[in-house]
Amino acid sequence: MSSRNEGLRERLGSYKAYVSKVTINGLDRTKDDYVHNVLKECFDISNVRDLVEKVKEVRETLLSIGAFKDVRAKIDVTPGTKYGYVVDFNCTEQRRIKGNVSTEMNQYEMVSKAEILLPNLQGRGESLSFEYAYSNSNNSRRNIGLNVKLQKPFLHRSVIGKYRPTTFLHLFNNTSKSYSNSYTNHTAGGTINLVFNSSHYLQHTLQYELSFRELAGINRQVPLFVRHHFGPRLASIVRYIMKYDDRTDRVFPRTGTMLWTTLESSIFRKLGDIHYMSITSHMERNLPLFWNMSLQMTARGGFIRELSPEKPVPINSLFTMGGPYSLRGFEFGGVGPQIEGHSTGTHMFWATGLHLWTPLPYSSYFYKFARFFRTHAFINCGNVDSSLDTMRSAMGIGLAVALGQFARIELNFTRPIHIQKGDQAAKDH
């Protein structure tokens, strides 16, 4: 199938083409100049293959700016020309107010969320959203969160519009819990963000956070080394986030690369009680194989250090190792130094993984329903220092189910291979 598609792309690339006219219908509140720079990209083509790919790219951009609920594109020949084409976009704008109620569940608790969104306020992609999260857990304190986000894109600017710049102010008041260390982390404050793209797949974010962070105990059985970190702190953090993603699919990708790197530092030492510098990175590479199988290679790591010896890094900012997001086959925070069964946190970590993704056996009998399922075999390894002698590793097999286009559920059987004294292997594996 892939060779047939490649042959079709080559043939389309041999047919000359140019765009003589681009129209867009359905603009009511949206200003013309806001989408003008996006539509101009349709003229930058030289053949039919470029035309189809460019129209698809422009349609995805129009959907991503938050002003439209649906965008349909139509390509037709220009009468009286040999290579000319006309591109028509028919858009359906978002309602003035949107609401959403959802429920998320993890291994500890169920979180209910309610969101109100006011999209495209002034006709140039401005939006205001309110989100409230609530969790009535079995512990004495409840997990709640309130987020307010005001966003302003600048696609209509002729000079910087091609970089897709967006600024937004994010105000938050959240309470999270670390069950592995028996503490709650209450954070209240805000961030100022600037987001822009240097290419279609590469996104940059500059962020400044000013917030109050307070640690407190979930219960009375909190080790003394955790209690040393209790109390309020003022955080003044500057971040740079880089995202590169050219994967063909977010849930079950067969090709493409994803790279996510975050640099953060409390460079304003006179403002704030937290002084550290850290870097974390995650990389994923997908290679297609025969019989619709794919090979996925992952690698992630992080490093953090104090900028002031008299102000150590708070325990909630240190890294923890273990669990499905870092090292499968181990409990959350179950890898590395432990005191009284609680993770002390680490200043560095690294982890790698190798996955073989395959279609569901006898998938032809399930027709289109089978595309939501994948089986995989995997092996992962990692450590909380640079030593290979004390490396931890695990392997296993599992079944994954796609939920929409952005999430999946996995049911895995994992067996640790290399385990060190004091580590906590997952009880259900």
Protein backbone atom coordinates (compact mmCIF):
# COMPACT_ATOMS: atom_id res chain seq x y z
CA MET A 1 0.00 0.00 0.00
CA SER A 2 2.80 2.45 0.85
CA SER A 3 4.56 1.82 -2.50
CA ARG A 4 1.27 2.46 -4.32
CA ASN A 5 0.84 5.76 -2.45
CA GLU A 6 4.41 6.76 -3.26
CA GLY A 7 3.78 6.06 -6.93
CA LEU A 8 0.64 8.21 -6.85
CA ARG A 9 2.52 11.08 -5.16
CA GLU A 10 5.24 10.93 -7.81
CA ARG A 11 2.68 11.08 -10.62
CA LEU A 12 0.88 14.03 -9.02
CA GLY A 13 4.21 15.78 -8.66
CA SER A 14 4.76 15.59 -12.41
CA TYR A 15 1.55 17.56 -13.20
CA LYS A 16 2.07 21.32 -13.26
CA ALA A 17 -0.33 23.53 -11.32
CA TYR A 18 -0.82 27.01 -9.95
CA VAL A 19 -3.56 28.59 -7.84
CA SER A 20 -5.40 31.44 -9.52
CA LYS A 21 -7.94 32.16 -6.78
CA VAL A 22 -8.62 31.31 -3.11
CA THR A 23 -11.98 32.04 -1.48
CA ILE A 24 -13.24 31.51 2.06
CA ASN A 25 -16.90 31.43 3.05
CA GLY A 26 -18.62 31.47 6.43
CA LEU A 27 -16.81 34.39 8.08
CA ASP A 28 -19.14 36.20 10.45
CA ARG A 29 -17.30 37.36 13.57
CA THR A 30 -13.87 36.42 12.19
CA LYS A 31 -11.98 39.31 10.57
CA ASP A 32 -10.70 38.88 7.01
CA ASP A 33 -7.15 39.95 7.82
CA TYR A 34 -6.86 37.26 10.50
CA VAL A 35 -7.01 34.42 7.95
CA HIS A 36 -5.50 36.32 5.01
CA ASN A 37 -1.87 35.33 5.72
CA VAL A 38 -2.86 31.68 6.14
CA LEU A 39 -4.73 31.57 2.83
CA LYS A 40 -1.81 33.13 0.95
CA GLU A 41 0.18 29.93 1.51
CA CYS A 42 -2.04 28.17 -1.05
CA PHE A 43 -0.35 30.15 -3.83
CA ASP A 44 3.08 28.73 -2.98
CA ILE A 45 2.79 25.57 -5.11
CA SER A 46 4.12 24.33 -8.45
CA ASN A 47 2.39 20.97 -9.01
CA VAL A 48 -0.76 19.05 -8.09
CA ARG A 49 0.97 17.14 -5.27
CA ASP A 50 2.04 20.40 -3.60
CA LEU A 51 -1.46 21.77 -4.09
CA VAL A 52 -3.17 18.89 -2.29
CA GLU A 53 -0.66 18.89 0.57
CA LYS A 54 -0.75 22.68 0.97
CA VAL A 55 -4.56 22.80 1.04
CA LYS A 56 -4.57 20.09 3.70
CA GLU A 57 -1.99 22.04 5.72
CA VAL A 58 -3.95 25.30 5.47
CA ARG A 59 -7.15 23.53 6.51
CA GLU A 60 -5.43 22.12 9.62
CA THR A 61 -4.10 25.60 10.45
CA LEU A 62 -7.56 27.14 10.18
CA LEU A 63 -8.95 24.49 12.51
CA SER A 64 -6.14 25.04 15.01
CA ILE A 65 -6.67 28.79 15.46
CA GLY A 66 -9.81 28.19 17.50
CA ALA A 67 -12.23 30.27 15.45
CA PHE A 68 -13.88 27.48 13.43
CA LYS A 69 -15.75 24.34 14.33
CA ASP A 70 -15.44 22.85 10.86
CA VAL A 71 -13.48 23.68 7.69
CA ARG A 72 -14.12 22.03 4.33
CA ALA A 73 -11.84 22.52 1.34
CA LYS A 74 -12.71 22.15 -2.35
CA ILE A 75 -10.28 22.19 -5.27
CA ASP A 76 -11.53 22.86 -8.80
CA VAL A 77 -9.97 23.78 -12.15
CA THR A 78 -9.98 27.38 -13.33
CA PRO A 79 -12.08 27.70 -16.52
CA GLY A 80 -10.09 28.64 -19.59
CA THR A 81 -6.68 27.72 -18.14
CA LYS A 82 -4.48 24.67 -18.57
CA TYR A 83 -2.86 24.42 -15.15
CA GLY A 84 -4.93 26.82 -13.03
CA TYR A 85 -6.95 25.78 -9.97
CA VAL A 86 -9.41 27.45 -7.62
CA VAL A 87 -9.46 26.62 -3.89
CA ASP A 88 -12.62 27.20 -1.84
CA PHE A 89 -12.79 26.94 1.97
CA ASN A 90 -16.21 26.67 3.60
CA CYS A 91 -16.00 27.37 7.34
CA THR A 92 -18.40 26.98 10.24
CA GLU A 93 -17.55 29.31 13.11
CA GLN A 94 -17.53 28.33 16.75
CA ARG A 95 -20.42 29.32 18.96
CA ARG A 96 -19.93 32.32 21.19
CA ILE A 97 -19.83 30.14 24.27
CA LYS A 98 -18.92 26.46 24.68
CA GLY A 99 -19.11 24.14 27.65
CA ASN A 100 -17.63 20.77 28.45
CA VAL A 101 -17.94 18.36 31.38
CA SER A 102 -15.66 15.33 31.63
CA THR A 103 -14.34 12.78 34.11
CA GLU A 104 -10.83 11.37 34.31
CA MET A 105 -9.74 8.40 36.38
CA ASN A 106 -6.32 7.22 37.51
CA GLN A 107 -5.20 4.53 39.92
CA TYR A 108 -5.77 6.80 42.93
CA GLU A 109 -8.90 8.86 42.35
CA MET A 110 -11.54 10.15 39.94
CA VAL A 111 -11.34 13.77 38.80
CA SER A 112 -14.35 15.65 37.39
CA LYS A 113 -13.78 18.69 35.19
CA ALA A 114 -16.04 21.48 33.98
CA GLU A 115 -14.89 23.99 31.33
CA ILE A 116 -16.42 27.12 29.83
CA LEU A 117 -14.79 28.57 26.70
CA LEU A 118 -15.46 31.89 25.00
CA PRO A 119 -13.80 31.50 21.57
CA ASN A 120 -12.93 34.14 18.99
CA LEU A 121 -13.99 37.05 21.21
CA GLN A 122 -12.87 39.94 18.98
CA GLY A 123 -12.72 38.10 15.65
CA ARG A 124 -8.98 37.42 15.63
CA GLY A 125 -8.75 34.18 17.59
CA GLU A 126 -8.90 35.66 21.10
CA SER A 127 -10.31 33.24 23.65
CA LEU A 128 -11.08 33.12 27.37
CA SER A 129 -11.51 29.82 29.19
CA PHE A 130 -12.41 28.78 32.73
CA GLU A 131 -11.74 25.27 34.00
CA TYR A 132 -12.62 23.79 37.37
CA ALA A 133 -11.46 20.35 38.52
CA TYR A 134 -12.68 18.50 41.60
CA SER A 135 -11.72 15.21 43.21
CA ASN A 136 -13.23 13.84 46.42
CA SER A 137 -10.53 11.32 47.33
CA ASN A 138 -10.42 9.01 50.31
CA ASN A 139 -7.98 11.31 52.09
CA SER A 140 -8.87 14.18 54.36
CA ARG A 141 -7.99 16.87 51.78
CA ARG A 142 -9.71 17.24 48.44
CA ASN A 143 -7.90 17.72 45.17
CA ILE A 144 -9.25 20.81 43.40
CA GLY A 145 -8.05 23.15 40.70
CA LEU A 146 -9.10 26.37 39.00
CA ASN A 147 -7.56 27.56 35.72
CA VAL A 148 -8.25 30.77 33.80
CA LYS A 149 -6.61 31.27 30.40
CA LEU A 150 -6.70 34.37 28.19
CA GLN A 151 -5.20 33.76 24.73
CA LYS A 152 -4.34 36.10 21.86
CA PRO A 153 -2.88 34.87 18.51
CA PHE A 154 -1.20 37.17 15.96
CA LEU A 155 -1.67 35.36 12.66
CA HIS A 156 -2.83 38.58 10.95
CA ARG A 157 0.53 40.33 11.38
CA SER A 158 2.22 40.45 7.96
CA VAL A 159 5.80 40.20 9.27
CA ILE A 160 5.52 37.70 12.13
CA GLY A 161 2.30 35.95 11.11
CA LYS A 162 4.12 33.07 9.43
CA TYR A 163 5.57 32.07 12.81
CA ARG A 164 2.07 31.53 14.27
CA PRO A 165 2.78 33.69 17.37
CA THR A 166 0.38 33.39 20.30
CA THR A 167 0.49 35.02 23.70
CA PHE A 168 -1.60 33.96 26.66
CA LEU A 169 -1.99 34.61 30.36
CA HIS A 170 -2.68 31.57 32.50
CA LEU A 171 -3.91 31.94 36.09
CA PHE A 172 -4.16 28.81 38.23
CA ASN A 173 -4.97 27.59 41.71
CA ASN A 174 -4.36 23.86 41.99
CA THR A 175 -3.80 21.20 44.62
CA SER A 176 -1.99 18.00 43.64
CA LYS A 177 -0.92 15.00 45.68
CA SER A 178 2.12 12.76 45.84
CA TYR A 179 0.97 9.50 47.37
CA SER A 180 4.47 8.04 47.25
CA ASN A 181 5.73 10.75 49.62
CA SER A 182 2.49 11.56 51.51
CA TYR A 183 2.33 15.28 50.73
CA THR A 184 0.04 17.70 48.96
CA ASN A 185 1.33 20.53 46.80
CA HIS A 186 -0.82 23.65 46.64
CA THR A 187 0.15 26.06 43.85
CA ALA A 188 -1.41 29.43 43.09
CA GLY A 189 -0.12 31.98 40.60
CA GLY A 190 0.16 32.62 36.90
CA THR A 191 2.28 32.35 33.79
CA ILE A 192 2.89 34.69 30.86
CA ASN A 193 3.56 32.77 27.64
CA LEU A 194 4.78 33.44 24.12
CA VAL A 195 4.39 30.57 21.64
CA PHE A 196 5.64 30.61 18.06
CA ASN A 197 6.61 28.17 15.30
CA SER A 198 9.86 28.27 13.35
CA SER A 199 8.59 25.56 10.98
CA HIS A 200 5.47 23.48 10.48
CA TYR A 201 6.65 20.86 12.99
CA LEU A 202 8.81 22.91 15.38
CA GLN A 203 7.22 24.96 18.16
CA HIS A 204 8.89 27.18 20.78
CA THR A 205 7.46 28.46 24.07
CA LEU A 206 8.90 31.16 26.30
CA GLN A 207 7.26 31.22 29.72
CA TYR A 208 7.58 33.11 32.98
CA GLU A 209 5.90 31.75 36.11
CA LEU A 210 5.30 33.57 39.38
CA SER A 211 3.54 31.40 41.94
CA PHE A 212 3.23 30.45 45.58
CA ARG A 213 3.89 26.79 46.35
CA GLU A 214 3.07 25.18 49.66
CA LEU A 215 3.73 21.59 50.73
CA ALA A 216 1.71 19.92 53.49
CA GLY A 217 1.17 16.37 54.69
CA ILE A 218 -1.61 14.10 53.48
CA ASN A 219 -1.66 12.25 56.80
CA ARG A 220 0.36 11.97 60.00
CA GLN A 221 2.68 9.23 58.70
CA VAL A 222 5.04 11.61 56.93
CA PRO A 223 8.82 10.99 57.23
CA LEU A 224 10.94 13.70 58.77
CA PHE A 225 12.96 14.27 55.57
CA VAL A 226 9.70 15.14 53.77
CA ARG A 227 8.56 17.47 56.58
CA HIS A 228 11.73 19.54 56.10
CA HIS A 229 10.29 20.72 52.80
CA PHE A 230 6.92 21.77 54.22
CA GLY A 231 5.84 25.39 54.15
CA PRO A 232 5.16 28.13 51.57
CA ARG A 233 7.64 29.24 48.92
CA LEU A 234 7.62 31.89 46.21
CA ALA A 235 8.65 30.53 42.80
CA SER A 236 9.95 32.81 40.04
CA ILE A 237 10.75 30.53 37.09
CA VAL A 238 11.72 31.19 33.47
CA ARG A 239 11.12 28.31 31.01
CA TYR A 240 11.93 27.52 27.42
CA ILE A 241 10.02 24.61 25.84
CA MET A 242 10.80 23.16 22.42
CA LYS A 243 8.49 20.69 20.68
CA TYR A 244 9.17 18.93 17.41
CA ASP A 245 6.55 16.50 16.15
CA ASP A 246 6.18 15.16 12.60
CA ARG A 247 4.44 11.91 13.53
CA THR A 248 1.63 10.79 11.28
CA ASP A 249 -0.52 9.83 14.27
CA ARG A 250 -0.43 10.82 17.94
CA VAL A 251 -1.83 7.59 19.41
CA PHE A 252 -0.44 4.81 17.20
CA PRO A 253 2.26 6.42 15.05
CA ARG A 254 4.01 4.28 12.44
CA THR A 255 6.43 6.93 11.22
CA GLY A 256 7.85 10.20 12.48
CA THR A 257 9.83 11.73 15.32
CA MET A 258 8.79 13.58 18.46
CA LEU A 259 11.19 15.63 20.61
CA TRP A 260 10.18 17.59 23.70
CA THR A 261 12.77 19.54 25.71
CA THR A 262 12.18 21.86 28.68
CA LEU A 263 14.76 24.20 30.19
CA GLU A 264 13.85 26.11 33.34
CA SER A 265 15.74 28.30 35.78
CA SER A 266 15.05 30.68 38.64
CA ILE A 267 17.42 33.33 37.29
CA PHE A 268 15.91 36.14 39.39
CA ARG A 269 17.55 35.16 42.66
CA LYS A 270 16.29 38.18 44.58
CA LEU A 271 12.72 37.26 43.70
CA GLY A 272 11.64 33.89 45.01
CA ASP A 273 12.63 31.21 47.51
CA ILE A 274 13.40 28.49 44.92
CA HIS A 275 16.77 28.59 43.18
CA TYR A 276 17.53 25.81 40.72
CA MET A 277 18.19 25.03 37.06
CA SER A 278 16.89 21.94 35.27
CA ILE A 279 16.57 20.31 31.87
CA THR A 280 14.27 17.45 30.87
CA SER A 281 13.90 15.88 27.45
CA HIS A 282 11.86 13.15 25.79
CA MET A 283 12.43 11.71 22.32
CA GLU A 284 10.43 9.19 20.30
CA ARG A 285 11.30 7.67 16.92
CA ASN A 286 8.93 5.46 14.93
CA LEU A 287 9.93 3.21 12.03
CA PRO A 288 7.44 1.31 9.83
CA LEU A 289 7.90 -2.44 9.35
CA PHE A 290 6.23 -5.13 7.26
CA TRP A 291 2.67 -6.40 7.87
CA ASN A 292 1.58 -3.02 9.25
CA MET A 293 3.92 -3.35 12.23
CA SER A 294 6.11 -0.56 13.58
CA LEU A 295 9.16 -0.20 15.80
CA GLN A 296 9.18 2.57 18.40
CA MET A 297 12.31 3.77 20.20
CA THR A 298 12.02 6.15 23.15
CA ALA A 299 14.51 7.96 25.36
CA ARG A 300 14.05 10.47 28.15
CA GLY A 301 16.16 12.05 30.82
CA GLY A 302 16.52 14.96 33.18
CA PHE A 303 19.02 16.83 35.33
CA ILE A 304 18.52 19.43 38.08
CA ARG A 305 20.93 21.29 40.38
CA GLU A 306 20.77 24.03 43.00
CA LEU A 307 21.86 27.55 42.17
CA SER A 308 22.20 28.42 45.86
CA PRO A 309 23.69 25.85 48.29
CA GLU A 310 21.67 27.29 51.18
CA LYS A 311 18.42 26.67 49.28
CA PRO A 312 18.15 23.02 48.24
CA VAL A 313 15.69 21.93 45.57
CA PRO A 314 12.25 21.22 47.09
CA ILE A 315 11.27 17.56 47.02
CA ASN A 316 8.30 18.23 44.75
CA SER A 317 10.68 19.61 42.08
CA LEU A 318 13.02 16.57 42.17
CA PHE A 319 12.62 13.65 39.76
CA THR A 320 10.96 10.38 40.67
CA MET A 321 11.55 7.15 38.78
CA GLY A 322 9.08 4.34 38.24
CA GLY A 323 5.65 3.89 36.72
CA PRO A 324 4.30 3.77 33.14
CA TYR A 325 5.58 7.28 32.31
CA SER A 326 9.22 6.58 33.20
CA LEU A 327 10.04 2.92 33.94
CA ARG A 328 7.41 0.23 33.56
CA GLY A 329 7.33 -2.67 36.00
CA PHE A 330 8.01 -0.46 39.05
CA GLU A 331 5.80 1.52 41.40
CA PHE A 332 5.54 5.29 41.11
CA GLY A 333 8.69 6.61 42.75
CA GLY A 334 9.78 3.02 43.41
CA VAL A 335 13.24 3.31 41.84
CA GLY A 336 16.13 4.96 43.63
CA PRO A 337 16.84 6.02 47.22
CA GLN A 338 14.07 5.23 49.70
CA ILE A 339 13.55 6.21 53.35
CA GLU A 340 10.77 4.47 55.26
CA GLY A 341 9.27 3.37 51.96
CA HIS A 342 9.17 6.92 50.57
CA SER A 343 11.17 8.18 47.58
CA THR A 344 13.70 10.89 48.43
CA GLY A 345 13.75 12.14 44.84
CA THR A 346 16.76 12.31 42.55
CA HIS A 347 18.72 15.04 40.78
CA MET A 348 18.93 13.10 37.52
CA PHE A 349 17.37 10.18 35.67
CA TRP A 350 17.41 8.51 32.28
CA ALA A 351 15.25 5.86 30.64
CA THR A 352 15.04 4.18 27.25
CA GLY A 353 12.51 1.86 25.68
CA LEU A 354 11.98 -0.30 22.61
CA HIS A 355 8.44 -1.21 21.50
CA LEU A 356 7.20 -3.48 18.74
CA TRP A 357 3.65 -2.49 17.79
CA THR A 358 1.51 -4.95 15.84
CA PRO A 359 -2.12 -5.01 14.65
CA LEU A 360 -4.68 -7.02 16.55
CA PRO A 361 -4.49 -10.75 15.63
CA TYR A 362 -7.17 -11.70 13.08
CA SER A 363 -7.83 -7.99 12.59
CA SER A 364 -9.43 -8.65 9.20
CA TYR A 365 -12.42 -10.19 10.99
CA PHE A 366 -13.03 -6.99 12.98
CA TYR A 367 -13.00 -4.66 9.96
CA LYS A 368 -12.60 -0.95 10.86
CA PHE A 369 -13.07 -1.64 14.57
CA ALA A 370 -9.60 -3.20 14.68
CA ARG A 371 -7.85 0.11 14.00
CA PHE A 372 -8.55 1.20 17.59
CA PHE A 373 -6.46 -1.68 19.00
CA ARG A 374 -2.77 -2.55 18.98
CA THR A 375 -0.69 -5.19 20.71
CA HIS A 376 2.91 -4.51 21.66
CA ALA A 377 5.96 -6.13 23.17
CA PHE A 378 8.45 -3.87 24.92
CA ILE A 379 11.63 -3.66 26.95
CA ASN A 380 12.70 -0.60 28.92
CA CYS A 381 15.64 0.29 31.14
CA GLY A 382 16.84 3.29 33.11
CA ASN A 383 18.52 4.57 36.24
CA VAL A 384 18.72 7.49 38.63
CA ASP A 385 22.44 8.04 37.97
CA SER A 386 24.89 7.57 35.13
CA SER A 387 26.00 4.08 36.21
CA LEU A 388 25.15 1.10 34.03
CA ASP A 389 26.03 -1.40 36.76
CA THR A 390 22.92 -0.53 38.77
CA MET A 391 20.64 -0.12 35.75
CA ARG A 392 17.03 -1.25 36.16
CA SER A 393 15.12 -2.90 33.35
CA ALA A 394 11.82 -4.64 32.61
CA MET A 395 10.03 -6.25 29.69
CA GLY A 396 6.47 -7.17 28.89
CA ILE A 397 3.56 -7.43 26.49
CA GLY A 398 0.25 -5.62 26.37
CA LEU A 399 -2.88 -4.44 24.61
CA ALA A 400 -3.57 -0.75 23.84
CA VAL A 401 -6.92 0.85 22.97
CA ALA A 402 -7.15 4.26 21.26
CA LEU A 403 -9.42 6.90 22.78
CA GLY A 404 -10.02 9.47 20.08
CA GLN A 405 -6.94 10.98 18.46
CA PHE A 406 -4.96 12.02 21.54
CA ALA A 407 -5.01 9.27 24.19
CA ARG A 408 -4.91 5.52 24.70
CA ILE A 409 -5.45 2.97 27.45
CA GLU A 410 -2.91 0.18 27.97
CA LEU A 411 -3.29 -3.17 29.71
CA ASN A 412 0.21 -4.60 30.17
CA PHE A 413 1.90 -7.55 31.82
CA THR A 414 5.39 -6.48 32.87
CA ARG A 415 8.21 -8.42 34.47
CA PRO A 416 11.22 -6.61 36.00
CA ILE A 417 14.55 -8.05 34.82
CA HIS A 418 17.12 -6.02 36.73
CA ILE A 419 16.11 -4.70 40.14
CA GLN A 420 18.21 -3.20 42.93
CA LYS A 421 17.87 -3.46 46.69
CA GLY A 422 15.21 -1.09 47.97
CA ASP A 423 13.33 -0.80 44.68
CA GLN A 424 9.60 -1.33 44.70
CA ALA A 425 8.41 -3.52 41.84
CA ALA A 426 4.79 -3.07 40.77
CA LYS A 427 2.61 -5.41 42.83
CA ASP A 428 0.30 -6.34 39.99
CA HIS A 429 3.05 -7.46 37.59
